[in-house]
Amino acid sequence: MKNPVTIIPAAMKPIMELMKAAQSQGLPQELMEMVHLRVSQINGCSFCVDAGLKNLRKLGESDDRIGLVAAWREAPYYTDAERAALELAEASTRLADRADAVPDDVWNNAADHFDEQQLASILLMTAVTNLFNRLNAPVRQIAGSW
C-alpha cells in the first residue's frame, strides 16, 4: 500500500500545519530534529530516521551528535536541556511502558529547562512524529523514497 496521506491527500495539509505549529515556539530547529530522530528510532520508522538524520546534517550537526542520539544518556555531546527534551520525548512515546507514563521527575526536569509553550512544542513535535511513524512503518515506507 502507498502511504496513507497519498491515498487521502486531504490529510497531509493538517499534519503539516501541526508540524509547523510545533516548530513555532522558538526552540532550536536542531533540538526539534533530535526529538524527531529519537522518537523515530524508538518506533523503528526507517523513513523518518533517514529524514531526521539528513535534516540534522543540513543544520550542521556533527556526526557524533547525530549518531549518538539513540545513546544520549551515555554520550557527552548533549546539553542538560537537550537531555531533558529527549527524555520527555521518550516517555511521551513509550506511554504504555509504565503506569505513570510521564513520571514527575521527567516532567519537572523538562520544566526546569523549558517554559510552558516550549514544553507544548516538544510534546506536539513528539506527537506529530509518532503520527508520521505510525503512517510510515505499517506500509514499510522506504527510507528516502518520498
C-alpha atoms as a PDB file:
ATOM      1  CA  MET A   1       0.000   0.000   0.000  1.00  0.00           C
ATOM      2  CA  LYS A   2       1.097   3.546  -0.650  1.00  0.00           C
ATOM      3  CA  ASN A   3       1.474   5.963   2.244  1.00  0.00           C
ATOM      4  CA  PRO A   4      -1.999   6.783   3.642  1.00  0.00           C
ATOM      5  CA  VAL A   5      -1.552  10.536   3.046  1.00  0.00           C
ATOM      6  CA  THR A   6      -1.078   9.861  -0.663  1.00  0.00           C
ATOM      7  CA  ILE A   7      -4.334   7.898  -0.670  1.00  0.00           C
ATOM      8  CA  ILE A   8      -6.143  10.543   1.401  1.00  0.00           C
ATOM      9  CA  PRO A   9      -4.306  13.719   0.344  1.00  0.00           C
ATOM     10  CA  ALA A  10      -6.575  15.962   2.429  1.00  0.00           C
ATOM     11  CA  ALA A  11      -4.750  14.576   5.494  1.00  0.00           C
ATOM     12  CA  MET A  12      -1.348  15.995   4.536  1.00  0.00           C
ATOM     13  CA  LYS A  13      -2.132  19.690   4.964  1.00  0.00           C
ATOM     14  CA  PRO A  14      -3.381  19.463   8.575  1.00  0.00           C
ATOM     15  CA  ILE A  15      -0.478  17.189   9.518  1.00  0.00           C
ATOM     16  CA  MET A  16       1.989  19.682   8.081  1.00  0.00           C
ATOM     17  CA  GLU A  17       0.192  22.510   9.903  1.00  0.00           C
ATOM     18  CA  LEU A  18       0.683  20.607  13.172  1.00  0.00           C
ATOM     19  CA  MET A  19       4.381  20.249  12.385  1.00  0.00           C
ATOM     20  CA  LYS A  20       4.618  23.950  11.619  1.00  0.00           C
ATOM     21  CA  ALA A  21       2.864  24.793  14.906  1.00  0.00           C
ATOM     22  CA  ALA A  22       5.233  22.524  16.829  1.00  0.00           C
ATOM     23  CA  GLN A  23       8.183  24.394  15.397  1.00  0.00           C
ATOM     24  CA  SER A  24       6.769  27.864  16.082  1.00  0.00           C
ATOM     25  CA  GLN A  25       7.796  28.400  19.702  1.00  0.00           C
ATOM     26  CA  GLY A  26      11.399  29.441  19.209  1.00  0.00           C
ATOM     27  CA  LEU A  27      13.121  26.202  20.151  1.00  0.00           C
ATOM     28  CA  PRO A  28      16.256  25.462  18.141  1.00  0.00           C
ATOM     29  CA  GLN A  29      15.493  23.525  14.972  1.00  0.00           C
ATOM     30  CA  GLU A  30      18.344  21.165  15.872  1.00  0.00           C
ATOM     31  CA  LEU A  31      16.586  20.233  19.118  1.00  0.00           C
ATOM     32  CA  MET A  32      13.291  19.631  17.370  1.00  0.00           C
ATOM     33  CA  GLU A  33      15.009  17.426  14.797  1.00  0.00           C
ATOM     34  CA  MET A  34      16.762  15.484  17.574  1.00  0.00           C
ATOM     35  CA  VAL A  35      13.373  14.849  19.175  1.00  0.00           C
ATOM     36  CA  HIS A  36      12.028  13.737  15.782  1.00  0.00           C
ATOM     37  CA  LEU A  37      15.007  11.435  15.240  1.00  0.00           C
ATOM     38  CA  ARG A  38      14.866   9.857  18.700  1.00  0.00           C
ATOM     39  CA  VAL A  39      11.119   9.198  18.555  1.00  0.00           C
ATOM     40  CA  SER A  40      11.503   7.695  15.083  1.00  0.00           C
ATOM     41  CA  GLN A  41      14.335   5.460  16.309  1.00  0.00           C
ATOM     42  CA  ILE A  42      12.144   4.172  19.132  1.00  0.00           C
ATOM     43  CA  ASN A  43       9.321   3.416  16.699  1.00  0.00           C
ATOM     44  CA  GLY A  44      11.575   1.821  14.087  1.00  0.00           C
ATOM     45  CA  CYS A  45      10.459   4.149  11.300  1.00  0.00           C
ATOM     46  CA  SER A  46      13.338   3.989   8.821  1.00  0.00           C
ATOM     47  CA  PHE A  47      11.826   6.688   6.623  1.00  0.00           C
ATOM     48  CA  CYS A  48      11.685   9.212   9.488  1.00  0.00           C
ATOM     49  CA  VAL A  49      15.077   8.184  10.908  1.00  0.00           C
ATOM     50  CA  ASP A  50      16.568   8.816   7.471  1.00  0.00           C
ATOM     51  CA  ALA A  51      14.787  12.167   7.168  1.00  0.00           C
ATOM     52  CA  GLY A  52      15.835  13.217  10.684  1.00  0.00           C
ATOM     53  CA  LEU A  53      19.447  12.307  10.056  1.00  0.00           C
ATOM     54  CA  LYS A  54      19.516  14.241   6.780  1.00  0.00           C
ATOM     55  CA  ASN A  55      17.812  17.277   8.319  1.00  0.00           C
ATOM     56  CA  LEU A  56      20.289  17.359  11.197  1.00  0.00           C
ATOM     57  CA  ARG A  57      23.195  17.178   8.743  1.00  0.00           C
ATOM     58  CA  LYS A  58      21.708  20.086   6.755  1.00  0.00           C
ATOM     59  CA  LEU A  59      21.528  22.047  10.012  1.00  0.00           C
ATOM     60  CA  GLY A  60      25.255  21.461  10.546  1.00  0.00           C
ATOM     61  CA  GLU A  61      25.062  18.952  13.397  1.00  0.00           C
ATOM     62  CA  SER A  62      28.117  16.770  13.913  1.00  0.00           C
ATOM     63  CA  ASP A  63      28.149  13.071  13.166  1.00  0.00           C
ATOM     64  CA  ASP A  64      28.793  12.459  16.874  1.00  0.00           C
ATOM     65  CA  ARG A  65      25.634  14.274  17.946  1.00  0.00           C
ATOM     66  CA  ILE A  66      23.529  12.707  15.206  1.00  0.00           C
ATOM     67  CA  GLY A  67      24.867   9.200  15.568  1.00  0.00           C
ATOM     68  CA  LEU A  68      24.584   9.030  19.330  1.00  0.00           C
ATOM     69  CA  VAL A  69      21.049  10.357  19.782  1.00  0.00           C
ATOM     70  CA  ALA A  70      20.000   6.763  20.482  1.00  0.00           C
ATOM     71  CA  ALA A  71      22.505   6.669  23.363  1.00  0.00           C
ATOM     72  CA  TRP A  72      22.075  10.254  24.586  1.00  0.00           C
ATOM     73  CA  ARG A  73      22.155   9.230  28.263  1.00  0.00           C
ATOM     74  CA  GLU A  74      25.708   7.917  27.961  1.00  0.00           C
ATOM     75  CA  ALA A  75      27.070  10.322  25.340  1.00  0.00           C
ATOM     76  CA  PRO A  76      28.781  13.580  26.345  1.00  0.00           C
ATOM     77  CA  TYR A  77      27.512  15.597  23.374  1.00  0.00           C
ATOM     78  CA  TYR A  78      24.205  16.959  24.690  1.00  0.00           C
ATOM     79  CA  THR A  79      23.256  19.833  26.954  1.00  0.00           C
ATOM     80  CA  ASP A  80      21.120  19.321  30.036  1.00  0.00           C
ATOM     81  CA  ALA A  81      18.202  20.975  28.215  1.00  0.00           C
ATOM     82  CA  GLU A  82      18.581  18.635  25.222  1.00  0.00           C
ATOM     83  CA  ARG A  83      18.687  15.642  27.555  1.00  0.00           C
ATOM     84  CA  ALA A  84      15.509  16.830  29.275  1.00  0.00           C
ATOM     85  CA  ALA A  85      13.738  17.225  25.924  1.00  0.00           C
ATOM     86  CA  LEU A  86      14.860  13.784  24.731  1.00  0.00           C
ATOM     87  CA  GLU A  87      13.781  12.175  27.997  1.00  0.00           C
ATOM     88  CA  LEU A  88      10.346  13.817  27.759  1.00  0.00           C
ATOM     89  CA  ALA A  89      10.018  12.738  24.125  1.00  0.00           C
ATOM     90  CA  GLU A  90      10.923   9.161  25.008  1.00  0.00           C
ATOM     91  CA  ALA A  91       8.455   8.997  27.888  1.00  0.00           C
ATOM     92  CA  SER A  92       5.724  10.559  25.730  1.00  0.00           C
ATOM     93  CA  THR A  93       6.373   7.981  23.020  1.00  0.00           C
ATOM     94  CA  ARG A  94       6.502   4.950  25.324  1.00  0.00           C
ATOM     95  CA  LEU A  95       3.259   5.708  27.141  1.00  0.00           C
ATOM     96  CA  ALA A  96       2.397   2.074  27.861  1.00  0.00           C
ATOM     97  CA  ASP A  97       5.810   1.139  29.285  1.00  0.00           C
ATOM     98  CA  ARG A  98       4.928   2.235  32.823  1.00  0.00           C
ATOM     99  CA  ALA A  99       1.861   3.007  34.916  1.00  0.00           C
ATOM    100  CA  ASP A 100       2.946   6.648  35.245  1.00  0.00           C
ATOM    101  CA  ALA A 101       3.514   7.408  31.559  1.00  0.00           C
ATOM    102  CA  VAL A 102       5.494  10.602  32.172  1.00  0.00           C
ATOM    103  CA  PRO A 103       6.895  10.496  35.714  1.00  0.00           C
ATOM    104  CA  ASP A 104       7.001  13.722  37.697  1.00  0.00           C
ATOM    105  CA  ASP A 105      10.799  13.747  37.737  1.00  0.00           C
ATOM    106  CA  VAL A 106      10.897  13.620  33.917  1.00  0.00           C
ATOM    107  CA  TRP A 107       8.300  16.371  33.632  1.00  0.00           C
ATOM    108  CA  ASN A 108       9.897  18.550  36.318  1.00  0.00           C
ATOM    109  CA  ASN A 109      13.328  18.211  34.749  1.00  0.00           C
ATOM    110  CA  ALA A 110      11.954  19.336  31.388  1.00  0.00           C
ATOM    111  CA  ALA A 111      10.030  22.181  33.063  1.00  0.00           C
ATOM    112  CA  ASP A 112      13.295  23.377  34.620  1.00  0.00           C
ATOM    113  CA  HIS A 113      14.647  23.992  31.106  1.00  0.00           C
ATOM    114  CA  PHE A 114      11.589  24.986  29.082  1.00  0.00           C
ATOM    115  CA  ASP A 115       8.599  27.260  29.563  1.00  0.00           C
ATOM    116  CA  GLU A 116       5.039  26.054  29.039  1.00  0.00           C
ATOM    117  CA  GLN A 117       4.911  26.984  25.341  1.00  0.00           C
ATOM    118  CA  GLN A 118       8.226  25.236  24.699  1.00  0.00           C
ATOM    119  CA  LEU A 119       7.051  22.133  26.568  1.00  0.00           C
ATOM    120  CA  ALA A 120       3.920  22.174  24.421  1.00  0.00           C
ATOM    121  CA  SER A 121       6.145  22.447  21.359  1.00  0.00           C
ATOM    122  CA  ILE A 122       8.217  19.417  22.389  1.00  0.00           C
ATOM    123  CA  LEU A 123       5.070  17.403  23.110  1.00  0.00           C
ATOM    124  CA  LEU A 124       3.484  18.415  19.819  1.00  0.00           C
ATOM    125  CA  MET A 125       6.655  17.509  17.897  1.00  0.00           C
ATOM    126  CA  THR A 126       6.681  14.152  19.674  1.00  0.00           C
ATOM    127  CA  ALA A 127       3.013  13.545  18.850  1.00  0.00           C
ATOM    128  CA  VAL A 128       3.343  14.542  15.189  1.00  0.00           C
ATOM    129  CA  THR A 129       6.447  12.375  14.825  1.00  0.00           C
ATOM    130  CA  ASN A 130       4.572   9.454  16.350  1.00  0.00           C
ATOM    131  CA  LEU A 131       1.795  10.097  13.819  1.00  0.00           C
ATOM    132  CA  PHE A 132       4.279  10.077  10.927  1.00  0.00           C
ATOM    133  CA  ASN A 133       5.878   6.897  12.289  1.00  0.00           C
ATOM    134  CA  ARG A 134       2.507   5.190  12.578  1.00  0.00           C
ATOM    135  CA  LEU A 135       1.684   6.058   8.979  1.00  0.00           C
ATOM    136  CA  ASN A 136       5.077   5.121   7.519  1.00  0.00           C
ATOM    137  CA  ALA A 137       6.073   1.980   9.420  1.00  0.00           C
ATOM    138  CA  PRO A 138       2.951  -0.154   8.735  1.00  0.00           C
ATOM    139  CA  VAL A 139       3.234   0.403   4.967  1.00  0.00           C
ATOM    140  CA  ARG A 140       7.011  -0.024   5.107  1.00  0.00           C
ATOM    141  CA  GLN A 141       7.709   3.396   3.608  1.00  0.00           C
ATOM    142  CA  ILE A 142      11.227   3.111   2.201  1.00  0.00           C
ATOM    143  CA  ALA A 143      13.844   5.474   3.633  1.00  0.00           C
ATOM    144  CA  GLY A 144      14.478   8.311   1.185  1.00  0.00           C
ATOM    145  CA  SER A 145      11.554   7.336  -1.039  1.00  0.00           C
ATOM    146  CA  TRP A 146       9.241  10.335  -0.730  1.00  0.00           C
END
